[in-house]
């Protein structure tokens, strides 16, 4: 069972109108769809992570508004280049926030299907007292797929093992308003130096390896961002065609009864 959001129910609209192929489930008691008749390109919107042997996939999530704009552009301009798509959808949009360092990894992933993104937490340095040389580092956003509790444990271990010597206190001040991890620095410590050490030794900086592998017509393919959008458009056209054919057959059967011959 799963509790679905309003947006996810849109993925299954018209499922009962013969829009997609149905196959038997694991014990052949029911039928299940091979793919949903998705109303939006969910694979790029939600991302995906798979661990099949030799076929691992890692697709980053994207902003729905940007993705829809890019999809409409490809629909109107089938010859669109990836550069033109990137003007509308500049890069992935991770739900946990954070910062993507540099553009090269995004460009590689979009053009070839493979690329490495360097994700950093969103951290700011604050002066603890006016005019003092004591600072604190405040983490407001963490990289995608990084567990907050595990991250705090990791930083605490680095402090205990003396790998990080500039941090005096570490606190989790997260509440209903959002995430907040506070690290008080020792007097005279330079915030930028401690920050660089944290990026180097902890998960405040991680690498997200994009591997845009997806099943297209039953075959695994490494796809560029344009291929993925084009494949969804093709799928959607087929869904609308099958739905129309289903409704026409239903209307013709009804007309046959109403006309009485």
C-alpha atoms as a PDB file:
ATOM      1  CA  UNK A   1       0.000   0.000   0.000  1.00  0.00           C
ATOM      2  CA  UNK A   2       1.061   3.594  -0.540  1.00  0.00           C
ATOM      3  CA  UNK A   3      -0.496   6.921   0.342  1.00  0.00           C
ATOM      4  CA  UNK A   4      -0.300   8.999  -2.815  1.00  0.00           C
ATOM      5  CA  UNK A   5      -0.062  12.739  -3.286  1.00  0.00           C
ATOM      6  CA  UNK A   6      -2.450  14.485  -5.682  1.00  0.00           C
ATOM      7  CA  UNK A   7       0.329  14.766  -8.287  1.00  0.00           C
ATOM      8  CA  UNK A   8       1.104  11.030  -8.212  1.00  0.00           C
ATOM      9  CA  UNK A   9      -2.528  10.116  -8.936  1.00  0.00           C
ATOM     10  CA  UNK A  10      -2.063  11.974 -12.244  1.00  0.00           C
ATOM     11  CA  UNK A  11       0.442   9.270 -13.206  1.00  0.00           C
ATOM     12  CA  UNK A  12      -2.366   6.696 -13.256  1.00  0.00           C
ATOM     13  CA  UNK A  13      -5.138   8.653 -14.953  1.00  0.00           C
ATOM     14  CA  UNK A  14      -6.862   6.684 -17.771  1.00  0.00           C
ATOM     15  CA  UNK A  15      -5.276   3.427 -16.602  1.00  0.00           C
ATOM     16  CA  UNK A  16      -8.671   1.756 -17.047  1.00  0.00           C
ATOM     17  CA  UNK A  17      -8.969   2.836 -20.704  1.00  0.00           C
ATOM     18  CA  UNK A  18      -6.518   0.348 -22.251  1.00  0.00           C
ATOM     19  CA  UNK A  19      -3.847   3.059 -22.518  1.00  0.00           C
ATOM     20  CA  UNK A  20      -0.873   0.823 -21.589  1.00  0.00           C
ATOM     21  CA  UNK A  21       0.046  -2.871 -21.824  1.00  0.00           C
ATOM     22  CA  UNK A  22      -1.105  -5.008 -18.881  1.00  0.00           C
ATOM     23  CA  UNK A  23       0.710  -8.158 -17.712  1.00  0.00           C
ATOM     24  CA  UNK A  24       0.018 -10.743 -15.011  1.00  0.00           C
ATOM     25  CA  UNK A  25       1.376 -10.056 -11.541  1.00  0.00           C
ATOM     26  CA  UNK A  26       3.754 -12.387  -9.656  1.00  0.00           C
ATOM     27  CA  UNK A  27       1.107 -15.085  -8.896  1.00  0.00           C
ATOM     28  CA  UNK A  28      -1.064 -14.453 -11.969  1.00  0.00           C
ATOM     29  CA  UNK A  29      -4.139 -13.459  -9.931  1.00  0.00           C
ATOM     30  CA  UNK A  30      -4.299  -9.872 -11.200  1.00  0.00           C
ATOM     31  CA  UNK A  31      -3.148  -7.705 -14.069  1.00  0.00           C
ATOM     32  CA  UNK A  32      -0.676  -4.879 -13.609  1.00  0.00           C
ATOM     33  CA  UNK A  33       0.535  -2.176 -16.012  1.00  0.00           C
ATOM     34  CA  UNK A  34       4.029  -2.448 -17.516  1.00  0.00           C
ATOM     35  CA  UNK A  35       4.259   1.368 -17.269  1.00  0.00           C
ATOM     36  CA  UNK A  36       1.949   4.168 -16.073  1.00  0.00           C
ATOM     37  CA  UNK A  37       0.245   6.504 -18.581  1.00  0.00           C
ATOM     38  CA  UNK A  38       2.081   9.368 -16.775  1.00  0.00           C
ATOM     39  CA  UNK A  39       0.799  12.877 -17.467  1.00  0.00           C
ATOM     40  CA  UNK A  40       4.236  14.395 -16.788  1.00  0.00           C
ATOM     41  CA  UNK A  41       7.832  13.100 -17.214  1.00  0.00           C
ATOM     42  CA  UNK A  42       8.046  11.540 -13.761  1.00  0.00           C
ATOM     43  CA  UNK A  43      11.393   9.801 -14.321  1.00  0.00           C
ATOM     44  CA  UNK A  44      13.164  13.168 -14.616  1.00  0.00           C
ATOM     45  CA  UNK A  45      10.912  14.939 -12.103  1.00  0.00           C
ATOM     46  CA  UNK A  46      11.325  12.451  -9.246  1.00  0.00           C
ATOM     47  CA  UNK A  47      14.630  10.919 -10.280  1.00  0.00           C
ATOM     48  CA  UNK A  48      15.425   7.250  -9.835  1.00  0.00           C
ATOM     49  CA  UNK A  49      17.992   5.032  -8.208  1.00  0.00           C
ATOM     50  CA  UNK A  50      18.435   1.393  -9.205  1.00  0.00           C
ATOM     51  CA  UNK A  51      21.032  -1.237  -8.262  1.00  0.00           C
ATOM     52  CA  UNK A  52      20.579  -3.901 -10.944  1.00  0.00           C
ATOM     53  CA  UNK A  53      23.831  -5.798 -11.544  1.00  0.00           C
ATOM     54  CA  UNK A  54      25.757  -4.057 -14.334  1.00  0.00           C
ATOM     55  CA  UNK A  55      22.718  -1.839 -14.970  1.00  0.00           C
ATOM     56  CA  UNK A  56      22.836   0.607 -12.042  1.00  0.00           C
ATOM     57  CA  UNK A  57      20.901   3.799 -12.695  1.00  0.00           C
ATOM     58  CA  UNK A  58      21.065   7.130 -10.885  1.00  0.00           C
ATOM     59  CA  UNK A  59      18.849   9.894 -12.269  1.00  0.00           C
ATOM     60  CA  UNK A  60      18.692  13.179 -10.320  1.00  0.00           C
ATOM     61  CA  UNK A  61      15.319  14.866  -9.591  1.00  0.00           C
ATOM     62  CA  UNK A  62      14.336  18.057 -11.446  1.00  0.00           C
ATOM     63  CA  UNK A  63      12.074  21.039 -10.867  1.00  0.00           C
ATOM     64  CA  UNK A  64       8.622  20.242 -12.286  1.00  0.00           C
ATOM     65  CA  UNK A  65       7.981  23.754 -13.676  1.00  0.00           C
ATOM     66  CA  UNK A  66      11.343  23.856 -15.486  1.00  0.00           C
ATOM     67  CA  UNK A  67      10.861  20.301 -16.760  1.00  0.00           C
ATOM     68  CA  UNK A  68       7.384  21.072 -18.157  1.00  0.00           C
ATOM     69  CA  UNK A  69       8.741  24.199 -19.894  1.00  0.00           C
ATOM     70  CA  UNK A  70      11.581  22.141 -21.433  1.00  0.00           C
ATOM     71  CA  UNK A  71       9.129  19.392 -22.506  1.00  0.00           C
ATOM     72  CA  UNK A  72       6.784  21.918 -24.178  1.00  0.00           C
ATOM     73  CA  UNK A  73       9.795  23.414 -25.969  1.00  0.00           C
ATOM     74  CA  UNK A  74      10.879  19.987 -27.319  1.00  0.00           C
ATOM     75  CA  UNK A  75       7.253  19.323 -28.334  1.00  0.00           C
ATOM     76  CA  UNK A  76       7.178  22.553 -30.370  1.00  0.00           C
ATOM     77  CA  UNK A  77      10.780  22.241 -31.626  1.00  0.00           C
ATOM     78  CA  UNK A  78      11.702  18.551 -32.224  1.00  0.00           C
ATOM     79  CA  UNK A  79      15.144  19.630 -33.493  1.00  0.00           C
ATOM     80  CA  UNK A  80      15.935  21.475 -30.220  1.00  0.00           C
ATOM     81  CA  UNK A  81      19.504  21.141 -28.944  1.00  0.00           C
ATOM     82  CA  UNK A  82      20.466  20.184 -25.408  1.00  0.00           C
ATOM     83  CA  UNK A  83      21.908  23.693 -24.929  1.00  0.00           C
ATOM     84  CA  UNK A  84      18.470  25.169 -25.685  1.00  0.00           C
ATOM     85  CA  UNK A  85      16.846  22.734 -23.216  1.00  0.00           C
ATOM     86  CA  UNK A  86      19.381  23.785 -20.567  1.00  0.00           C
ATOM     87  CA  UNK A  87      18.314  27.421 -20.889  1.00  0.00           C
ATOM     88  CA  UNK A  88      14.869  26.359 -19.640  1.00  0.00           C
ATOM     89  CA  UNK A  89      16.061  23.611 -17.283  1.00  0.00           C
ATOM     90  CA  UNK A  90      19.560  24.644 -16.116  1.00  0.00           C
ATOM     91  CA  UNK A  91      20.138  21.611 -13.917  1.00  0.00           C
ATOM     92  CA  UNK A  92      18.796  19.127 -11.349  1.00  0.00           C
ATOM     93  CA  UNK A  93      16.770  20.411  -8.389  1.00  0.00           C
ATOM     94  CA  UNK A  94      17.380  18.391  -5.222  1.00  0.00           C
ATOM     95  CA  UNK A  95      14.526  18.445  -2.661  1.00  0.00           C
ATOM     96  CA  UNK A  96      16.911  18.745   0.310  1.00  0.00           C
ATOM     97  CA  UNK A  97      18.494  21.916  -1.142  1.00  0.00           C
ATOM     98  CA  UNK A  98      22.248  22.385  -1.104  1.00  0.00           C
ATOM     99  CA  UNK A  99      24.486  23.748  -3.841  1.00  0.00           C
ATOM    100  CA  UNK A 100      25.792  22.110  -7.033  1.00  0.00           C
ATOM    101  CA  UNK A 101      29.420  23.158  -7.531  1.00  0.00           C
ATOM    102  CA  UNK A 102      30.301  23.965 -11.113  1.00  0.00           C
ATOM    103  CA  UNK A 103      28.449  23.362 -14.365  1.00  0.00           C
ATOM    104  CA  UNK A 104      30.680  20.798 -16.010  1.00  0.00           C
ATOM    105  CA  UNK A 105      29.080  17.751 -14.342  1.00  0.00           C
ATOM    106  CA  UNK A 106      25.554  18.862 -15.322  1.00  0.00           C
ATOM    107  CA  UNK A 107      26.650  19.491 -18.922  1.00  0.00           C
ATOM    108  CA  UNK A 108      28.297  16.040 -19.157  1.00  0.00           C
ATOM    109  CA  UNK A 109      25.256  14.284 -17.661  1.00  0.00           C
ATOM    110  CA  UNK A 110      22.813  16.042 -20.000  1.00  0.00           C
ATOM    111  CA  UNK A 111      24.920  15.526 -23.138  1.00  0.00           C
ATOM    112  CA  UNK A 112      26.187  11.967 -22.565  1.00  0.00           C
ATOM    113  CA  UNK A 113      23.947  10.448 -19.859  1.00  0.00           C
ATOM    114  CA  UNK A 114      26.877  10.206 -17.421  1.00  0.00           C
ATOM    115  CA  UNK A 115      28.427  12.860 -15.213  1.00  0.00           C
ATOM    116  CA  UNK A 116      29.522  13.668 -11.660  1.00  0.00           C
ATOM    117  CA  UNK A 117      27.857  16.439  -9.666  1.00  0.00           C
ATOM    118  CA  UNK A 118      29.570  17.823  -6.566  1.00  0.00           C
ATOM    119  CA  UNK A 119      26.922  18.711  -3.980  1.00  0.00           C
ATOM    120  CA  UNK A 120      27.640  20.928  -0.997  1.00  0.00           C
ATOM    121  CA  UNK A 121      25.601  21.788   2.065  1.00  0.00           C
ATOM    122  CA  UNK A 122      24.402  25.382   2.438  1.00  0.00           C
ATOM    123  CA  UNK A 123      26.528  26.770   5.291  1.00  0.00           C
ATOM    124  CA  UNK A 124      26.908  30.323   6.581  1.00  0.00           C
ATOM    125  CA  UNK A 125      29.381  31.777   9.069  1.00  0.00           C
ATOM    126  CA  UNK A 126      28.000  34.023  11.824  1.00  0.00           C
ATOM    127  CA  UNK A 127      29.883  36.217  14.294  1.00  0.00           C
ATOM    128  CA  UNK A 128      28.853  35.074  17.779  1.00  0.00           C
ATOM    129  CA  UNK A 129      29.377  38.432  19.479  1.00  0.00           C
ATOM    130  CA  UNK A 130      29.780  41.892  18.004  1.00  0.00           C
ATOM    131  CA  UNK A 131      33.466  42.607  17.390  1.00  0.00           C
ATOM    132  CA  UNK A 132      34.661  39.263  18.810  1.00  0.00           C
ATOM    133  CA  UNK A 133      36.874  36.810  16.928  1.00  0.00           C
ATOM    134  CA  UNK A 134      34.552  33.907  17.725  1.00  0.00           C
ATOM    135  CA  UNK A 135      32.379  32.482  14.933  1.00  0.00           C
ATOM    136  CA  UNK A 136      29.826  29.750  14.428  1.00  0.00           C
ATOM    137  CA  UNK A 137      28.990  27.778  11.290  1.00  0.00           C
ATOM    138  CA  UNK A 138      25.277  27.173  10.645  1.00  0.00           C
ATOM    139  CA  UNK A 139      24.136  24.414   8.248  1.00  0.00           C
ATOM    140  CA  UNK A 140      20.716  25.199   6.707  1.00  0.00           C
ATOM    141  CA  UNK A 141      20.599  22.576   3.918  1.00  0.00           C
ATOM    142  CA  UNK A 142      22.387  19.236   3.481  1.00  0.00           C
ATOM    143  CA  UNK A 143      23.272  17.431   0.223  1.00  0.00           C
ATOM    144  CA  UNK A 144      20.783  14.974  -1.321  1.00  0.00           C
ATOM    145  CA  UNK A 145      20.579  11.519   0.331  1.00  0.00           C
ATOM    146  CA  UNK A 146      22.700  12.596   3.322  1.00  0.00           C
ATOM    147  CA  UNK A 147      21.158  11.549   6.646  1.00  0.00           C
ATOM    148  CA  UNK A 148      21.247  14.388   9.206  1.00  0.00           C
ATOM    149  CA  UNK A 149      21.779  12.172  12.292  1.00  0.00           C
ATOM    150  CA  UNK A 150      24.556  10.217  10.590  1.00  0.00           C
ATOM    151  CA  UNK A 151      26.181  13.482   9.453  1.00  0.00           C
ATOM    152  CA  UNK A 152      26.232  14.863  13.036  1.00  0.00           C
ATOM    153  CA  UNK A 153      27.738  11.568  14.287  1.00  0.00           C
ATOM    154  CA  UNK A 154      30.374  11.742  11.550  1.00  0.00           C
ATOM    155  CA  UNK A 155      31.374  15.330  12.477  1.00  0.00           C
ATOM    156  CA  UNK A 156      31.454  14.365  16.203  1.00  0.00           C
ATOM    157  CA  UNK A 157      33.793  11.450  15.368  1.00  0.00           C
ATOM    158  CA  UNK A 158      36.062  13.813  13.403  1.00  0.00           C
ATOM    159  CA  UNK A 159      36.210  16.169  16.432  1.00  0.00           C
ATOM    160  CA  UNK A 160      36.933  13.280  18.859  1.00  0.00           C
ATOM    161  CA  UNK A 161      39.657  11.858  16.612  1.00  0.00           C
ATOM    162  CA  UNK A 162      41.264  15.368  16.434  1.00  0.00           C
ATOM    163  CA  UNK A 163      40.872  15.451  12.634  1.00  0.00           C
ATOM    164  CA  UNK A 164      38.904  18.671  13.187  1.00  0.00           C
ATOM    165  CA  UNK A 165      40.473  20.787  15.924  1.00  0.00           C
ATOM    166  CA  UNK A 166      38.727  24.122  15.400  1.00  0.00           C
ATOM    167  CA  UNK A 167      35.205  23.186  16.618  1.00  0.00           C
ATOM    168  CA  UNK A 168      34.335  23.814  20.275  1.00  0.00           C
ATOM    169  CA  UNK A 169      30.667  22.758  20.266  1.00  0.00           C
ATOM    170  CA  UNK A 170      28.285  20.903  17.942  1.00  0.00           C
ATOM    171  CA  UNK A 171      24.488  21.167  18.300  1.00  0.00           C
ATOM    172  CA  UNK A 172      21.402  20.082  16.377  1.00  0.00           C
ATOM    173  CA  UNK A 173      18.897  22.951  16.556  1.00  0.00           C
ATOM    174  CA  UNK A 174      16.493  21.592  13.922  1.00  0.00           C
ATOM    175  CA  UNK A 175      12.799  22.197  14.616  1.00  0.00           C
ATOM    176  CA  UNK A 176       9.471  22.381  12.765  1.00  0.00           C
ATOM    177  CA  UNK A 177      10.776  25.375  10.788  1.00  0.00           C
ATOM    178  CA  UNK A 178      13.571  23.395   9.193  1.00  0.00           C
ATOM    179  CA  UNK A 179      17.067  21.981   9.492  1.00  0.00           C
ATOM    180  CA  UNK A 180      19.728  23.808  11.530  1.00  0.00           C
ATOM    181  CA  UNK A 181      23.047  22.339  12.649  1.00  0.00           C
ATOM    182  CA  UNK A 182      25.276  24.729  14.641  1.00  0.00           C
ATOM    183  CA  UNK A 183      29.060  24.378  15.052  1.00  0.00           C
ATOM    184  CA  UNK A 184      30.695  26.859  17.425  1.00  0.00           C
ATOM    185  CA  UNK A 185      34.335  27.527  16.578  1.00  0.00           C
ATOM    186  CA  UNK A 186      37.148  28.057  19.061  1.00  0.00           C
ATOM    187  CA  UNK A 187      38.320  31.621  19.578  1.00  0.00           C
ATOM    188  CA  UNK A 188      40.584  32.848  16.788  1.00  0.00           C
ATOM    189  CA  UNK A 189      39.695  30.022  14.366  1.00  0.00           C
ATOM    190  CA  UNK A 190      39.168  31.087  10.746  1.00  0.00           C
ATOM    191  CA  UNK A 191      35.717  29.977   9.553  1.00  0.00           C
ATOM    192  CA  UNK A 192      36.843  29.355   5.932  1.00  0.00           C
ATOM    193  CA  UNK A 193      39.627  26.980   7.037  1.00  0.00           C
ATOM    194  CA  UNK A 194      37.277  24.878   9.210  1.00  0.00           C
ATOM    195  CA  UNK A 195      34.688  24.932   6.428  1.00  0.00           C
ATOM    196  CA  UNK A 196      37.173  23.534   3.887  1.00  0.00           C
ATOM    197  CA  UNK A 197      38.150  20.774   6.357  1.00  0.00           C
ATOM    198  CA  UNK A 198      34.467  19.879   6.802  1.00  0.00           C
ATOM    199  CA  UNK A 199      33.980  19.713   3.024  1.00  0.00           C
ATOM    200  CA  UNK A 200      37.043  17.463   2.720  1.00  0.00           C
ATOM    201  CA  UNK A 201      36.385  14.992   5.562  1.00  0.00           C
ATOM    202  CA  UNK A 202      32.587  14.927   6.051  1.00  0.00           C
ATOM    203  CA  UNK A 203      29.421  14.427   3.998  1.00  0.00           C
ATOM    204  CA  UNK A 204      28.836  18.190   3.858  1.00  0.00           C
ATOM    205  CA  UNK A 205      30.290  17.690   0.369  1.00  0.00           C
ATOM    206  CA  UNK A 206      29.366  14.568  -1.630  1.00  0.00           C
ATOM    207  CA  UNK A 207      29.565  13.415  -5.224  1.00  0.00           C
ATOM    208  CA  UNK A 208      26.356  12.435  -7.013  1.00  0.00           C
ATOM    209  CA  UNK A 209      27.176  10.211  -9.991  1.00  0.00           C
ATOM    210  CA  UNK A 210      24.541  10.646 -12.707  1.00  0.00           C
ATOM    211  CA  UNK A 211      23.877   7.529 -14.761  1.00  0.00           C
ATOM    212  CA  UNK A 212      20.805   8.208 -16.918  1.00  0.00           C
ATOM    213  CA  UNK A 213      20.003   4.606 -17.771  1.00  0.00           C
ATOM    214  CA  UNK A 214      16.338   3.842 -18.464  1.00  0.00           C
ATOM    215  CA  UNK A 215      14.196   1.200 -20.140  1.00  0.00           C
ATOM    216  CA  UNK A 216      13.014   2.411 -23.530  1.00  0.00           C
ATOM    217  CA  UNK A 217      10.550   0.009 -25.219  1.00  0.00           C
ATOM    218  CA  UNK A 218      11.841  -2.748 -22.932  1.00  0.00           C
ATOM    219  CA  UNK A 219      15.538  -2.167 -23.675  1.00  0.00           C
ATOM    220  CA  UNK A 220      18.000  -0.453 -21.295  1.00  0.00           C
ATOM    221  CA  UNK A 221      19.487   2.678 -22.881  1.00  0.00           C
ATOM    222  CA  UNK A 222      21.879   5.331 -21.632  1.00  0.00           C
ATOM    223  CA  UNK A 223      19.986   8.492 -22.576  1.00  0.00           C
ATOM    224  CA  UNK A 224      20.696  12.195 -22.856  1.00  0.00           C
ATOM    225  CA  UNK A 225      18.185  14.582 -21.325  1.00  0.00           C
ATOM    226  CA  UNK A 226      16.662  15.247 -24.771  1.00  0.00           C
ATOM    227  CA  UNK A 227      16.224  11.506 -25.463  1.00  0.00           C
ATOM    228  CA  UNK A 228      14.385  11.127 -22.154  1.00  0.00           C
ATOM    229  CA  UNK A 229      11.991  13.991 -22.878  1.00  0.00           C
ATOM    230  CA  UNK A 230      11.422  12.785 -26.472  1.00  0.00           C
ATOM    231  CA  UNK A 231      10.749   9.214 -25.248  1.00  0.00           C
ATOM    232  CA  UNK A 232       8.123  10.501 -22.797  1.00  0.00           C
ATOM    233  CA  UNK A 233       6.444  12.596 -25.544  1.00  0.00           C
ATOM    234  CA  UNK A 234       6.313   9.499 -27.782  1.00  0.00           C
ATOM    235  CA  UNK A 235       4.833   7.468 -24.907  1.00  0.00           C
ATOM    236  CA  UNK A 236       2.223  10.146 -24.193  1.00  0.00           C
ATOM    237  CA  UNK A 237       1.150  10.308 -27.861  1.00  0.00           C
ATOM    238  CA  UNK A 238       0.627   6.520 -27.804  1.00  0.00           C
ATOM    239  CA  UNK A 239      -1.395   6.791 -24.556  1.00  0.00           C
ATOM    240  CA  UNK A 240      -3.708   9.462 -26.019  1.00  0.00           C
ATOM    241  CA  UNK A 241      -4.111   7.435 -29.239  1.00  0.00           C
ATOM    242  CA  UNK A 242      -5.057   4.266 -27.315  1.00  0.00           C
ATOM    243  CA  UNK A 243      -7.425   6.171 -25.022  1.00  0.00           C
ATOM    244  CA  UNK A 244      -9.199   7.748 -28.013  1.00  0.00           C
ATOM    245  CA  UNK A 245      -9.492   4.340 -29.713  1.00  0.00           C
ATOM    246  CA  UNK A 246     -10.955   2.838 -26.498  1.00  0.00           C
ATOM    247  CA  UNK A 247     -13.516   5.666 -26.133  1.00  0.00           C
ATOM    248  CA  UNK A 248     -14.451   5.426 -29.836  1.00  0.00           C
ATOM    249  CA  UNK A 249     -15.071   1.669 -29.581  1.00  0.00           C
ATOM    250  CA  UNK A 250     -17.187   2.239 -26.459  1.00  0.00           C
ATOM    251  CA  UNK A 251     -19.209   5.007 -28.179  1.00  0.00           C
ATOM    252  CA  UNK A 252     -19.729   2.854 -31.315  1.00  0.00           C
ATOM    253  CA  UNK A 253     -20.949  -0.088 -29.186  1.00  0.00           C
ATOM    254  CA  UNK A 254     -23.369   2.249 -27.386  1.00  0.00           C
ATOM    255  CA  UNK A 255     -24.573   3.759 -30.691  1.00  0.00           C
ATOM    256  CA  UNK A 256     -25.230   0.237 -32.013  1.00  0.00           C
ATOM    257  CA  UNK A 257     -27.587  -0.447 -29.063  1.00  0.00           C
ATOM    258  CA  UNK A 258     -29.285   2.978 -29.192  1.00  0.00           C
ATOM    259  CA  UNK A 259     -29.942   2.738 -32.949  1.00  0.00           C
ATOM    260  CA  UNK A 260     -31.332  -0.772 -32.480  1.00  0.00           C
ATOM    261  CA  UNK A 261     -29.676  -2.675 -35.327  1.00  0.00           C
END
